[in-house]
N, C-alpha and C. Protein backbone atom coordinates (compact mmCIF):
# COMPACT_ATOMS: atom_id res chain seq x y z
N MET A 1 -45.81 17.34 7.48
CA MET A 1 -45.67 17.02 6.07
C MET A 1 -47.07 16.88 5.46
N LYS A 2 -47.23 17.49 4.34
CA LYS A 2 -48.55 17.51 3.71
C LYS A 2 -48.84 16.22 2.97
N ARG A 3 -50.08 15.78 3.06
CA ARG A 3 -50.50 14.53 2.44
C ARG A 3 -50.31 14.55 0.92
N GLY A 4 -50.59 15.69 0.30
CA GLY A 4 -50.45 15.80 -1.15
C GLY A 4 -49.03 15.50 -1.61
N CYS A 5 -48.04 16.04 -0.90
CA CYS A 5 -46.64 15.78 -1.25
C CYS A 5 -46.29 14.31 -1.03
N ARG A 6 -46.76 13.74 0.07
CA ARG A 6 -46.49 12.32 0.35
C ARG A 6 -47.07 11.44 -0.76
N ASN A 7 -48.31 11.73 -1.18
CA ASN A 7 -48.94 10.95 -2.25
C ASN A 7 -48.20 11.12 -3.57
N PHE A 8 -47.76 12.35 -3.86
CA PHE A 8 -47.02 12.62 -5.09
C PHE A 8 -45.72 11.81 -5.11
N VAL A 9 -44.98 11.84 -4.00
CA VAL A 9 -43.72 11.10 -3.92
C VAL A 9 -43.97 9.59 -3.96
N LYS A 10 -45.02 9.14 -3.31
CA LYS A 10 -45.34 7.70 -3.36
C LYS A 10 -45.62 7.27 -4.79
N ASN A 11 -46.35 8.08 -5.53
CA ASN A 11 -46.64 7.78 -6.93
C ASN A 11 -45.34 7.70 -7.74
N ILE A 12 -44.43 8.61 -7.50
CA ILE A 12 -43.14 8.60 -8.19
C ILE A 12 -42.38 7.32 -7.87
N LYS A 13 -42.30 6.99 -6.59
CA LYS A 13 -41.58 5.77 -6.18
C LYS A 13 -42.22 4.52 -6.78
N ASP A 14 -43.54 4.45 -6.74
CA ASP A 14 -44.24 3.29 -7.29
C ASP A 14 -44.01 3.15 -8.79
N ARG A 15 -44.12 4.25 -9.52
CA ARG A 15 -43.98 4.22 -10.98
C ARG A 15 -42.54 3.93 -11.40
N MET A 16 -41.58 4.32 -10.56
CA MET A 16 -40.16 4.10 -10.89
C MET A 16 -39.63 2.78 -10.35
N GLY A 17 -40.44 2.08 -9.58
CA GLY A 17 -39.96 0.84 -8.98
C GLY A 17 -38.90 1.11 -7.92
N GLY A 18 -39.12 2.14 -7.12
CA GLY A 18 -38.14 2.56 -6.11
C GLY A 18 -37.25 3.64 -6.67
N ILE A 19 -36.61 4.40 -5.77
CA ILE A 19 -35.78 5.52 -6.25
C ILE A 19 -34.36 5.52 -5.71
N ARG A 20 -34.04 4.57 -4.84
CA ARG A 20 -32.68 4.53 -4.28
C ARG A 20 -31.65 4.46 -5.40
N GLY A 21 -30.73 5.43 -5.39
CA GLY A 21 -29.65 5.46 -6.37
C GLY A 21 -30.03 6.00 -7.74
N LYS A 22 -31.29 6.33 -7.94
CA LYS A 22 -31.73 6.84 -9.25
C LYS A 22 -31.62 8.36 -9.30
N VAL A 23 -31.29 8.86 -10.49
CA VAL A 23 -31.16 10.30 -10.69
C VAL A 23 -32.53 10.88 -11.01
N VAL A 24 -32.93 11.85 -10.19
CA VAL A 24 -34.23 12.50 -10.34
C VAL A 24 -33.98 13.99 -10.57
N GLY A 25 -34.54 14.50 -11.66
CA GLY A 25 -34.40 15.92 -11.97
C GLY A 25 -35.60 16.71 -11.48
N ILE A 26 -35.34 17.86 -10.89
CA ILE A 26 -36.39 18.73 -10.35
C ILE A 26 -36.38 20.04 -11.14
N LEU A 27 -37.54 20.41 -11.67
CA LEU A 27 -37.68 21.71 -12.34
C LEU A 27 -38.60 22.58 -11.50
N GLY A 28 -38.03 23.63 -10.95
CA GLY A 28 -38.78 24.57 -10.14
C GLY A 28 -38.59 24.33 -8.67
N LEU A 29 -38.11 25.35 -7.97
CA LEU A 29 -37.87 25.26 -6.53
C LEU A 29 -38.71 26.25 -5.74
N SER A 30 -38.97 27.42 -6.29
CA SER A 30 -39.73 28.45 -5.58
C SER A 30 -41.18 28.02 -5.39
N PHE A 31 -41.86 28.68 -4.45
CA PHE A 31 -43.23 28.26 -4.15
C PHE A 31 -44.20 28.64 -5.27
N LYS A 32 -43.83 29.59 -6.12
CA LYS A 32 -44.63 29.95 -7.30
C LYS A 32 -43.70 30.58 -8.32
N PRO A 33 -44.12 30.63 -9.58
CA PRO A 33 -43.25 31.21 -10.61
C PRO A 33 -43.04 32.71 -10.40
N ASP A 34 -41.98 33.21 -11.00
CA ASP A 34 -41.65 34.64 -10.99
C ASP A 34 -41.28 35.17 -9.62
N THR A 35 -40.74 34.29 -8.77
CA THR A 35 -40.26 34.72 -7.46
C THR A 35 -39.11 33.81 -7.02
N ASP A 36 -38.29 34.33 -6.11
CA ASP A 36 -37.23 33.49 -5.52
C ASP A 36 -37.61 33.03 -4.12
N ASP A 37 -38.87 33.22 -3.76
CA ASP A 37 -39.37 32.91 -2.42
C ASP A 37 -39.49 31.39 -2.21
N MET A 38 -38.82 30.91 -1.18
CA MET A 38 -38.83 29.49 -0.85
C MET A 38 -39.75 29.14 0.32
N ARG A 39 -40.39 30.16 0.92
CA ARG A 39 -41.30 29.89 2.04
C ARG A 39 -42.45 29.04 1.56
N ASP A 40 -42.75 27.97 2.26
CA ASP A 40 -43.85 27.05 1.94
C ASP A 40 -43.72 26.40 0.56
N ALA A 41 -42.49 26.35 0.03
CA ALA A 41 -42.28 25.73 -1.28
C ALA A 41 -42.43 24.21 -1.18
N LYS A 42 -43.26 23.64 -2.05
CA LYS A 42 -43.47 22.19 -2.09
C LYS A 42 -42.16 21.46 -2.41
N SER A 43 -41.28 22.14 -3.14
CA SER A 43 -40.02 21.52 -3.54
C SER A 43 -39.22 21.01 -2.34
N VAL A 44 -39.24 21.75 -1.25
CA VAL A 44 -38.45 21.37 -0.07
C VAL A 44 -38.93 20.03 0.48
N GLU A 45 -40.24 19.90 0.65
CA GLU A 45 -40.80 18.63 1.16
C GLU A 45 -40.52 17.48 0.19
N ILE A 46 -40.79 17.71 -1.08
CA ILE A 46 -40.64 16.66 -2.08
C ILE A 46 -39.18 16.23 -2.19
N ILE A 47 -38.28 17.19 -2.29
CA ILE A 47 -36.85 16.86 -2.42
C ILE A 47 -36.36 16.13 -1.18
N ASN A 48 -36.73 16.59 0.00
CA ASN A 48 -36.29 15.92 1.23
C ASN A 48 -36.79 14.48 1.29
N MET A 49 -38.03 14.25 0.89
CA MET A 49 -38.55 12.88 0.89
C MET A 49 -37.78 12.01 -0.10
N LEU A 50 -37.56 12.51 -1.30
CA LEU A 50 -36.83 11.74 -2.32
C LEU A 50 -35.38 11.48 -1.88
N PHE A 51 -34.75 12.52 -1.35
CA PHE A 51 -33.36 12.41 -0.89
C PHE A 51 -33.23 11.40 0.24
N ASN A 52 -34.17 11.44 1.17
CA ASN A 52 -34.15 10.50 2.30
C ASN A 52 -34.38 9.06 1.88
N GLU A 53 -34.97 8.86 0.70
CA GLU A 53 -35.18 7.51 0.15
C GLU A 53 -34.01 7.07 -0.73
N GLY A 54 -32.99 7.93 -0.84
CA GLY A 54 -31.78 7.56 -1.57
C GLY A 54 -31.68 8.03 -2.99
N ALA A 55 -32.57 8.90 -3.43
CA ALA A 55 -32.49 9.43 -4.79
C ALA A 55 -31.34 10.43 -4.90
N VAL A 56 -30.76 10.50 -6.09
CA VAL A 56 -29.76 11.52 -6.42
C VAL A 56 -30.54 12.66 -7.07
N ILE A 57 -30.48 13.85 -6.48
CA ILE A 57 -31.31 14.97 -6.92
C ILE A 57 -30.49 16.02 -7.66
N LYS A 58 -30.98 16.37 -8.86
CA LYS A 58 -30.45 17.48 -9.63
C LYS A 58 -31.60 18.48 -9.79
N ALA A 59 -31.32 19.78 -9.63
CA ALA A 59 -32.41 20.74 -9.65
C ALA A 59 -32.03 22.02 -10.40
N TYR A 60 -33.08 22.67 -10.90
CA TYR A 60 -32.92 23.96 -11.56
C TYR A 60 -34.17 24.80 -11.31
N ASP A 61 -33.94 26.08 -11.04
CA ASP A 61 -35.00 27.08 -10.95
C ASP A 61 -34.42 28.37 -11.52
N PRO A 62 -35.19 29.09 -12.33
CA PRO A 62 -34.65 30.30 -12.95
C PRO A 62 -34.15 31.37 -11.98
N VAL A 63 -34.74 31.49 -10.79
CA VAL A 63 -34.29 32.55 -9.88
C VAL A 63 -34.11 32.14 -8.42
N ALA A 64 -34.61 31.00 -7.99
CA ALA A 64 -34.62 30.67 -6.56
C ALA A 64 -33.45 29.80 -6.09
N MET A 65 -32.49 29.50 -6.94
CA MET A 65 -31.45 28.54 -6.53
C MET A 65 -30.57 29.06 -5.39
N GLU A 66 -30.23 30.32 -5.39
CA GLU A 66 -29.40 30.83 -4.29
C GLU A 66 -30.11 30.67 -2.95
N ASN A 67 -31.39 31.00 -2.91
CA ASN A 67 -32.16 30.84 -1.68
C ASN A 67 -32.32 29.36 -1.32
N ALA A 68 -32.48 28.51 -2.32
CA ALA A 68 -32.67 27.08 -2.08
C ALA A 68 -31.40 26.43 -1.51
N LYS A 69 -30.24 26.92 -1.90
CA LYS A 69 -28.98 26.30 -1.47
C LYS A 69 -28.83 26.29 0.05
N GLY A 70 -29.37 27.29 0.72
CA GLY A 70 -29.31 27.34 2.18
C GLY A 70 -30.25 26.33 2.84
N ILE A 71 -31.30 25.95 2.13
CA ILE A 71 -32.31 25.04 2.67
C ILE A 71 -32.05 23.60 2.23
N LEU A 72 -31.55 23.45 1.01
CA LEU A 72 -31.31 22.13 0.40
C LEU A 72 -29.85 22.04 -0.07
N PRO A 73 -28.90 21.97 0.88
CA PRO A 73 -27.49 22.02 0.48
C PRO A 73 -26.94 20.75 -0.16
N ALA A 74 -27.61 19.62 -0.02
CA ALA A 74 -27.03 18.34 -0.43
C ALA A 74 -27.38 17.92 -1.86
N ILE A 75 -28.10 18.77 -2.59
CA ILE A 75 -28.47 18.38 -3.95
C ILE A 75 -27.57 19.10 -4.96
N LYS A 76 -27.60 18.62 -6.20
CA LYS A 76 -26.80 19.24 -7.27
C LYS A 76 -27.66 20.28 -7.97
N TYR A 77 -27.12 21.49 -8.07
CA TYR A 77 -27.81 22.58 -8.76
C TYR A 77 -27.25 22.69 -10.17
N CYS A 78 -28.13 22.85 -11.15
CA CYS A 78 -27.76 22.85 -12.55
C CYS A 78 -28.00 24.22 -13.18
N VAL A 79 -27.35 24.47 -14.31
CA VAL A 79 -27.46 25.78 -14.96
C VAL A 79 -28.75 25.94 -15.77
N ASN A 80 -29.39 24.82 -16.14
CA ASN A 80 -30.63 24.90 -16.90
C ASN A 80 -31.36 23.55 -16.86
N ALA A 81 -32.52 23.51 -17.47
CA ALA A 81 -33.34 22.30 -17.48
C ALA A 81 -32.68 21.17 -18.26
N TYR A 82 -31.88 21.52 -19.24
CA TYR A 82 -31.22 20.49 -20.04
C TYR A 82 -30.14 19.76 -19.24
N GLU A 83 -29.39 20.51 -18.42
CA GLU A 83 -28.40 19.87 -17.55
C GLU A 83 -29.10 18.98 -16.52
N VAL A 84 -30.23 19.42 -16.01
CA VAL A 84 -31.01 18.60 -15.06
C VAL A 84 -31.41 17.28 -15.72
N SER A 85 -31.76 17.34 -16.97
CA SER A 85 -32.27 16.17 -17.70
C SER A 85 -31.19 15.13 -18.01
N GLU A 86 -29.94 15.56 -18.10
CA GLU A 86 -28.86 14.64 -18.47
C GLU A 86 -28.78 13.46 -17.51
N GLY A 87 -29.05 12.26 -18.02
CA GLY A 87 -28.94 11.05 -17.23
C GLY A 87 -30.06 10.81 -16.23
N ALA A 88 -31.06 11.69 -16.23
CA ALA A 88 -32.15 11.54 -15.26
C ALA A 88 -33.09 10.41 -15.66
N GLU A 89 -33.61 9.73 -14.64
CA GLU A 89 -34.59 8.66 -14.86
C GLU A 89 -36.01 9.17 -14.66
N ALA A 90 -36.12 10.39 -14.18
CA ALA A 90 -37.42 11.05 -14.04
C ALA A 90 -37.18 12.55 -13.96
N LEU A 91 -38.14 13.29 -14.47
CA LEU A 91 -38.13 14.74 -14.38
C LEU A 91 -39.41 15.13 -13.65
N ILE A 92 -39.28 15.93 -12.60
CA ILE A 92 -40.43 16.32 -11.80
C ILE A 92 -40.64 17.83 -11.93
N ILE A 93 -41.82 18.21 -12.38
CA ILE A 93 -42.16 19.63 -12.50
C ILE A 93 -42.84 20.05 -11.20
N ILE A 94 -42.21 20.99 -10.49
CA ILE A 94 -42.77 21.44 -9.21
C ILE A 94 -43.31 22.87 -9.30
N THR A 95 -42.64 23.74 -10.04
CA THR A 95 -43.09 25.12 -10.20
C THR A 95 -43.33 25.38 -11.68
N GLU A 96 -44.44 26.02 -12.00
CA GLU A 96 -44.85 26.16 -13.40
C GLU A 96 -44.25 27.40 -14.07
N TRP A 97 -42.93 27.46 -14.09
CA TRP A 97 -42.25 28.56 -14.78
C TRP A 97 -42.56 28.49 -16.28
N ARG A 98 -42.74 29.65 -16.89
CA ARG A 98 -43.05 29.72 -18.32
C ARG A 98 -41.96 29.05 -19.15
N GLU A 99 -40.71 29.21 -18.78
CA GLU A 99 -39.63 28.63 -19.59
C GLU A 99 -39.71 27.11 -19.66
N PHE A 100 -40.31 26.46 -18.67
CA PHE A 100 -40.45 25.01 -18.71
C PHE A 100 -41.47 24.58 -19.76
N LYS A 101 -42.46 25.44 -20.02
CA LYS A 101 -43.46 25.14 -21.04
C LYS A 101 -42.87 25.24 -22.44
N LEU A 102 -41.74 25.94 -22.58
CA LEU A 102 -41.15 26.22 -23.88
C LEU A 102 -39.90 25.39 -24.17
N LEU A 103 -39.64 24.38 -23.36
CA LEU A 103 -38.44 23.55 -23.55
C LEU A 103 -38.52 22.74 -24.84
N ASN A 104 -37.35 22.42 -25.38
CA ASN A 104 -37.25 21.52 -26.51
C ASN A 104 -37.39 20.11 -25.94
N MET A 105 -38.59 19.57 -26.01
CA MET A 105 -38.88 18.29 -25.37
C MET A 105 -38.17 17.12 -26.04
N GLU A 106 -37.91 17.22 -27.32
CA GLU A 106 -37.15 16.17 -28.01
C GLU A 106 -35.73 16.11 -27.44
N ARG A 107 -35.14 17.28 -27.22
CA ARG A 107 -33.81 17.34 -26.62
C ARG A 107 -33.83 16.78 -25.20
N ILE A 108 -34.84 17.17 -24.43
CA ILE A 108 -34.99 16.66 -23.06
C ILE A 108 -35.04 15.13 -23.08
N LYS A 109 -35.89 14.58 -23.94
CA LYS A 109 -36.06 13.13 -24.03
C LYS A 109 -34.72 12.45 -24.35
N ASN A 110 -33.98 13.01 -25.29
CA ASN A 110 -32.71 12.41 -25.69
C ASN A 110 -31.63 12.50 -24.61
N LEU A 111 -31.72 13.47 -23.73
CA LEU A 111 -30.75 13.63 -22.65
C LEU A 111 -31.03 12.69 -21.48
N MET A 112 -32.29 12.33 -21.31
CA MET A 112 -32.70 11.52 -20.15
C MET A 112 -32.32 10.05 -20.32
N ARG A 113 -32.00 9.42 -19.21
CA ARG A 113 -31.74 7.98 -19.22
C ARG A 113 -33.04 7.22 -19.46
N LYS A 114 -34.12 7.73 -18.84
CA LYS A 114 -35.45 7.17 -19.03
C LYS A 114 -36.42 8.36 -19.11
N PRO A 115 -37.11 8.52 -20.24
CA PRO A 115 -37.96 9.71 -20.40
C PRO A 115 -39.30 9.60 -19.65
N ALA A 116 -39.27 9.94 -18.37
CA ALA A 116 -40.48 9.93 -17.55
C ALA A 116 -40.65 11.31 -16.92
N ILE A 117 -41.85 11.85 -17.01
CA ILE A 117 -42.16 13.16 -16.44
C ILE A 117 -43.29 13.01 -15.43
N PHE A 118 -43.06 13.58 -14.26
CA PHE A 118 -44.08 13.67 -13.22
C PHE A 118 -44.41 15.15 -13.10
N ASP A 119 -45.54 15.53 -13.65
CA ASP A 119 -45.90 16.93 -13.79
C ASP A 119 -46.83 17.36 -12.65
N GLY A 120 -46.24 17.96 -11.65
CA GLY A 120 -47.00 18.39 -10.49
C GLY A 120 -47.83 19.64 -10.73
N ARG A 121 -47.72 20.24 -11.91
CA ARG A 121 -48.46 21.47 -12.22
C ARG A 121 -49.28 21.36 -13.51
N ASN A 122 -49.29 20.18 -14.12
CA ASN A 122 -50.06 19.97 -15.34
C ASN A 122 -49.76 21.02 -16.42
N ILE A 123 -48.48 21.27 -16.64
CA ILE A 123 -48.11 22.28 -17.64
C ILE A 123 -48.03 21.72 -19.06
N TYR A 124 -47.99 20.40 -19.18
CA TYR A 124 -47.89 19.78 -20.50
C TYR A 124 -49.19 19.07 -20.85
N ASP A 125 -49.45 18.99 -22.13
CA ASP A 125 -50.58 18.23 -22.64
C ASP A 125 -50.22 16.75 -22.54
N ALA A 126 -51.01 15.99 -21.80
CA ALA A 126 -50.68 14.59 -21.51
C ALA A 126 -50.57 13.75 -22.78
N GLU A 127 -51.54 13.84 -23.65
CA GLU A 127 -51.55 13.01 -24.86
C GLU A 127 -50.36 13.35 -25.76
N ARG A 128 -50.14 14.64 -25.95
CA ARG A 128 -49.03 15.08 -26.81
C ARG A 128 -47.68 14.65 -26.25
N THR A 129 -47.52 14.78 -24.94
CA THR A 129 -46.26 14.41 -24.29
C THR A 129 -46.01 12.92 -24.41
N ARG A 130 -47.05 12.12 -24.24
CA ARG A 130 -46.90 10.66 -24.39
C ARG A 130 -46.58 10.29 -25.84
N LYS A 131 -47.19 10.99 -26.79
CA LYS A 131 -46.91 10.72 -28.21
C LYS A 131 -45.44 11.02 -28.56
N MET A 132 -44.83 11.95 -27.81
CA MET A 132 -43.42 12.28 -28.02
C MET A 132 -42.49 11.19 -27.48
N GLY A 133 -43.05 10.22 -26.74
CA GLY A 133 -42.24 9.13 -26.23
C GLY A 133 -41.93 9.18 -24.75
N PHE A 134 -42.61 10.05 -24.02
CA PHE A 134 -42.42 10.14 -22.58
C PHE A 134 -43.45 9.26 -21.84
N GLU A 135 -43.02 8.70 -20.72
CA GLU A 135 -43.99 8.24 -19.73
C GLU A 135 -44.41 9.53 -19.04
N TYR A 136 -45.70 9.79 -18.98
CA TYR A 136 -46.15 11.07 -18.45
C TYR A 136 -47.22 10.85 -17.39
N TYR A 137 -46.97 11.44 -16.21
CA TYR A 137 -47.89 11.33 -15.09
C TYR A 137 -48.21 12.73 -14.60
N SER A 138 -49.49 13.00 -14.43
CA SER A 138 -49.90 14.32 -13.96
C SER A 138 -50.75 14.18 -12.71
N ILE A 139 -51.16 15.30 -12.18
CA ILE A 139 -51.94 15.34 -10.95
C ILE A 139 -53.41 15.56 -11.31
N GLY A 140 -54.27 14.71 -10.77
CA GLY A 140 -55.71 14.94 -10.88
C GLY A 140 -56.33 14.76 -12.24
N ARG A 141 -55.61 14.12 -13.15
CA ARG A 141 -56.21 13.81 -14.44
C ARG A 141 -55.68 12.48 -14.92
N ALA A 142 -56.41 11.83 -15.80
CA ALA A 142 -56.04 10.48 -16.25
C ALA A 142 -54.74 10.46 -17.02
């Protein structure tokens, strides 16, 4: 297990005050955008760690979900990012798909139980996202 994934998950758990029983939304499953390839995908490690800690996982990826179902059978797969957001206490960006950059963030915020984003790919502007009312955490920047 890679240290980066462990630290990322620890940060999520710390910021959420634990994750047992909490709904966590995952955006992006493939190892990089524009592919359905799940080999070496960070999503597998991150989801398994969260799941093993008792989180309820909902996930969406534009093309990799069929491949992911064989590797991660115990999570809920959603039809889009908005379904993932419904009732979620955190949204985790794992793959930087272009469509995630173009989401209606006001709609996302209103669907979430708690508007918190853990951006593993730094696809959003931190200041702007926080001004929209999200708790926003990114990797490698303040």
